[in-house]
C-alpha atoms as a PDB file:
ATOM      1  CA  MET A   1     131.144 186.927  89.144  1.00  0.00           C
ATOM      2  CA  PHE A   2     130.595 187.133  92.927  1.00  0.00           C
ATOM      3  CA  GLU A   3     134.094 186.286  94.148  1.00  0.00           C
ATOM      4  CA  GLY A   4     133.888 188.390  97.326  1.00  0.00           C
ATOM      5  CA  LEU A   5     130.977 186.468  98.854  1.00  0.00           C
ATOM      6  CA  PRO A   6     131.651 184.043 101.705  1.00  0.00           C
ATOM      7  CA  THR A   7     131.312 180.350 100.900  1.00  0.00           C
ATOM      8  CA  THR A   8     130.483 179.047 104.378  1.00  0.00           C
ATOM      9  CA  ILE A   9     127.526 176.728 104.755  1.00  0.00           C
ATOM     10  CA  GLU A  10     125.856 179.184 107.143  1.00  0.00           C
ATOM     11  CA  PHE A  11     125.950 181.952 104.559  1.00  0.00           C
ATOM     12  CA  GLN A  12     124.704 179.679 101.798  1.00  0.00           C
ATOM     13  CA  LEU A  13     121.803 178.343 103.885  1.00  0.00           C
ATOM     14  CA  SER A  14     120.882 181.869 104.969  1.00  0.00           C
ATOM     15  CA  LEU A  15     120.920 182.988 101.351  1.00  0.00           C
ATOM     16  CA  LEU A  16     118.800 180.009 100.293  1.00  0.00           C
ATOM     17  CA  LEU A  17     116.224 180.683 103.013  1.00  0.00           C
ATOM     18  CA  PHE A  18     116.083 184.383 102.169  1.00  0.00           C
ATOM     19  CA  VAL A  19     115.662 183.702  98.455  1.00  0.00           C
ATOM     20  CA  ALA A  20     113.027 181.015  99.116  1.00  0.00           C
ATOM     21  CA  LEU A  21     111.092 183.522 101.222  1.00  0.00           C
ATOM     22  CA  ALA A  22     111.401 186.093  98.440  1.00  0.00           C
ATOM     23  CA  GLY A  23     110.085 183.524  95.947  1.00  0.00           C
ATOM     24  CA  TYR A  24     107.146 182.785  98.233  1.00  0.00           C
ATOM     25  CA  LEU A  25     106.323 186.480  98.595  1.00  0.00           C
ATOM     26  CA  ILE A  26     106.527 187.053  94.839  1.00  0.00           C
ATOM     27  CA  ALA A  27     104.247 184.080  94.215  1.00  0.00           C
ATOM     28  CA  SER A  28     101.686 185.214  96.769  1.00  0.00           C
ATOM     29  CA  LYS A  29     101.582 188.711  95.246  1.00  0.00           C
ATOM     30  CA  ILE A  30     100.752 187.390  91.772  1.00  0.00           C
ATOM     31  CA  ASN A  31      98.555 184.469  92.956  1.00  0.00           C
ATOM     32  CA  GLN A  32     100.851 181.729  91.646  1.00  0.00           C
ATOM     33  CA  SER A  33     102.139 178.530  93.188  1.00  0.00           C
ATOM     34  CA  ALA A  34     104.937 179.259  95.649  1.00  0.00           C
ATOM     35  CA  ILE A  35     106.701 176.005  94.785  1.00  0.00           C
ATOM     36  CA  VAL A  36     107.321 177.054  91.193  1.00  0.00           C
ATOM     37  CA  TRP A  37     108.820 180.391  92.227  1.00  0.00           C
ATOM     38  CA  GLU A  38     110.964 178.795  94.921  1.00  0.00           C
ATOM     39  CA  ILE A  39     112.396 176.409  92.338  1.00  0.00           C
ATOM     40  CA  LEU A  40     112.997 179.225  89.840  1.00  0.00           C
ATOM     41  CA  VAL A  41     114.855 181.447  92.290  1.00  0.00           C
ATOM     42  CA  GLY A  42     116.812 178.413  93.499  1.00  0.00           C
ATOM     43  CA  ILE A  43     117.951 177.735  89.956  1.00  0.00           C
ATOM     44  CA  ALA A  44     118.788 181.410  89.503  1.00  0.00           C
ATOM     45  CA  ILE A  45     121.178 181.577  92.474  1.00  0.00           C
ATOM     46  CA  GLY A  46     122.614 178.111  91.964  1.00  0.00           C
ATOM     47  CA  PRO A  47     125.782 177.185  90.092  1.00  0.00           C
ATOM     48  CA  SER A  48     123.932 177.105  86.751  1.00  0.00           C
ATOM     49  CA  LEU A  49     123.232 180.843  86.483  1.00  0.00           C
ATOM     50  CA  LEU A  50     124.579 183.274  89.061  1.00  0.00           C
ATOM     51  CA  GLY A  51     126.811 180.895  90.986  1.00  0.00           C
ATOM     52  CA  LEU A  52     126.002 182.328  94.421  1.00  0.00           C
ATOM     53  CA  ILE A  53     125.707 178.814  95.837  1.00  0.00           C
ATOM     54  CA  THR A  54     128.585 176.384  95.356  1.00  0.00           C
ATOM     55  CA  TYR A  55     127.696 172.718  95.089  1.00  0.00           C
ATOM     56  CA  THR A  56     129.419 171.103  98.068  1.00  0.00           C
ATOM     57  CA  ASP A  57     128.575 167.895  99.924  1.00  0.00           C
ATOM     58  CA  SER A  58     126.684 169.733 102.649  1.00  0.00           C
ATOM     59  CA  VAL A  59     124.651 171.692 100.104  1.00  0.00           C
ATOM     60  CA  GLN A  60     123.884 168.422  98.310  1.00  0.00           C
ATOM     61  CA  ILE A  61     122.537 166.908 101.541  1.00  0.00           C
ATOM     62  CA  PHE A  62     120.328 169.930 102.160  1.00  0.00           C
ATOM     63  CA  ALA A  63     119.185 169.870  98.523  1.00  0.00           C
ATOM     64  CA  GLN A  64     118.073 166.256  98.866  1.00  0.00           C
ATOM     65  CA  LEU A  65     116.298 167.055 102.121  1.00  0.00           C
ATOM     66  CA  GLY A  66     114.628 170.020 100.423  1.00  0.00           C
ATOM     67  CA  ALA A  67     113.480 167.799  97.558  1.00  0.00           C
ATOM     68  CA  VAL A  68     111.856 165.409 100.038  1.00  0.00           C
ATOM     69  CA  VAL A  69     110.090 168.269 101.818  1.00  0.00           C
ATOM     70  CA  LEU A  70     109.024 169.748  98.474  1.00  0.00           C
ATOM     71  CA  LEU A  71     107.458 166.455  97.388  1.00  0.00           C
ATOM     72  CA  PHE A  72     105.713 166.212 100.755  1.00  0.00           C
ATOM     73  CA  VAL A  73     104.225 169.701 100.379  1.00  0.00           C
ATOM     74  CA  VAL A  74     103.096 168.944  96.823  1.00  0.00           C
ATOM     75  CA  GLY A  75     101.434 165.789  98.117  1.00  0.00           C
ATOM     76  CA  LEU A  76      99.595 167.780 100.766  1.00  0.00           C
ATOM     77  CA  GLU A  77      98.307 170.264  98.187  1.00  0.00           C
ATOM     78  CA  PHE A  78      97.329 167.525  95.724  1.00  0.00           C
ATOM     79  CA  ASN A  79      93.621 166.928  95.197  1.00  0.00           C
ATOM     80  CA  ILE A  80      92.781 163.399  94.040  1.00  0.00           C
ATOM     81  CA  LYS A  81      89.466 164.577  92.530  1.00  0.00           C
ATOM     82  CA  ASP A  82      91.402 166.588  89.946  1.00  0.00           C
ATOM     83  CA  VAL A  83      92.989 163.383  88.628  1.00  0.00           C
ATOM     84  CA  PHE A  84      89.638 161.993  87.610  1.00  0.00           C
ATOM     85  CA  ASN A  85      88.270 165.267  86.222  1.00  0.00           C
ATOM     86  CA  LEU A  86      87.740 164.788  82.478  1.00  0.00           C
ATOM     87  CA  LYS A  87      88.629 168.391  81.621  1.00  0.00           C
ATOM     88  CA  TYR A  88      92.080 168.122  83.194  1.00  0.00           C
ATOM     89  CA  GLY A  89      92.620 164.715  81.610  1.00  0.00           C
ATOM     90  CA  ILE A  90      91.943 166.062  78.138  1.00  0.00           C
ATOM     91  CA  ILE A  91      94.264 169.018  78.715  1.00  0.00           C
ATOM     92  CA  ALA A  92      97.003 166.668  79.924  1.00  0.00           C
ATOM     93  CA  LEU A  93      96.504 164.369  76.943  1.00  0.00           C
ATOM     94  CA  ILE A  94      96.769 167.277  74.521  1.00  0.00           C
ATOM     95  CA  GLY A  95      99.851 168.466  76.410  1.00  0.00           C
ATOM     96  CA  VAL A  96     101.502 165.113  75.686  1.00  0.00           C
ATOM     97  CA  ILE A  97     100.266 164.366  72.166  1.00  0.00           C
ATOM     98  CA  VAL A  98     100.891 167.769  70.539  1.00  0.00           C
ATOM     99  CA  PRO A  99     104.573 168.066  71.578  1.00  0.00           C
ATOM    100  CA  TRP A 100     105.198 164.422  70.717  1.00  0.00           C
ATOM    101  CA  PHE A 101     103.850 164.767  67.185  1.00  0.00           C
ATOM    102  CA  GLY A 102     105.533 168.149  66.810  1.00  0.00           C
ATOM    103  CA  GLY A 103     108.883 166.652  67.780  1.00  0.00           C
ATOM    104  CA  PHE A 104     108.322 163.637  65.555  1.00  0.00           C
ATOM    105  CA  PHE A 105     107.555 165.671  62.447  1.00  0.00           C
ATOM    106  CA  LEU A 106     110.294 168.179  63.213  1.00  0.00           C
ATOM    107  CA  ALA A 107     112.787 165.313  63.502  1.00  0.00           C
ATOM    108  CA  GLU A 108     111.671 163.979  60.124  1.00  0.00           C
ATOM    109  CA  PHE A 109     112.662 167.246  58.448  1.00  0.00           C
ATOM    110  CA  PHE A 110     116.096 167.398  60.073  1.00  0.00           C
END
């Protein structure tokens, strides 16, 4: 699809940084979590959809480093009081039970 694009690691990292910044700006405009948008645009330009980024060893190393940084940022934004909030616990429980029973009964019919 994009055969004319360079495949050097410098180009791919520049593209990833630009797209991550674009995801952050989109998320801040619509008051959403930047992490979700950064992941979505990363999937969009990766080998699964558009194929702008080829999956080489160097990209794999940077992807693992990015995953570590992403988990660190999520940990910094995490509020332990929300874990023990009953309202969020009930919502999480419903979010597990309803799909489980839905999948169970759907599997019984097929």
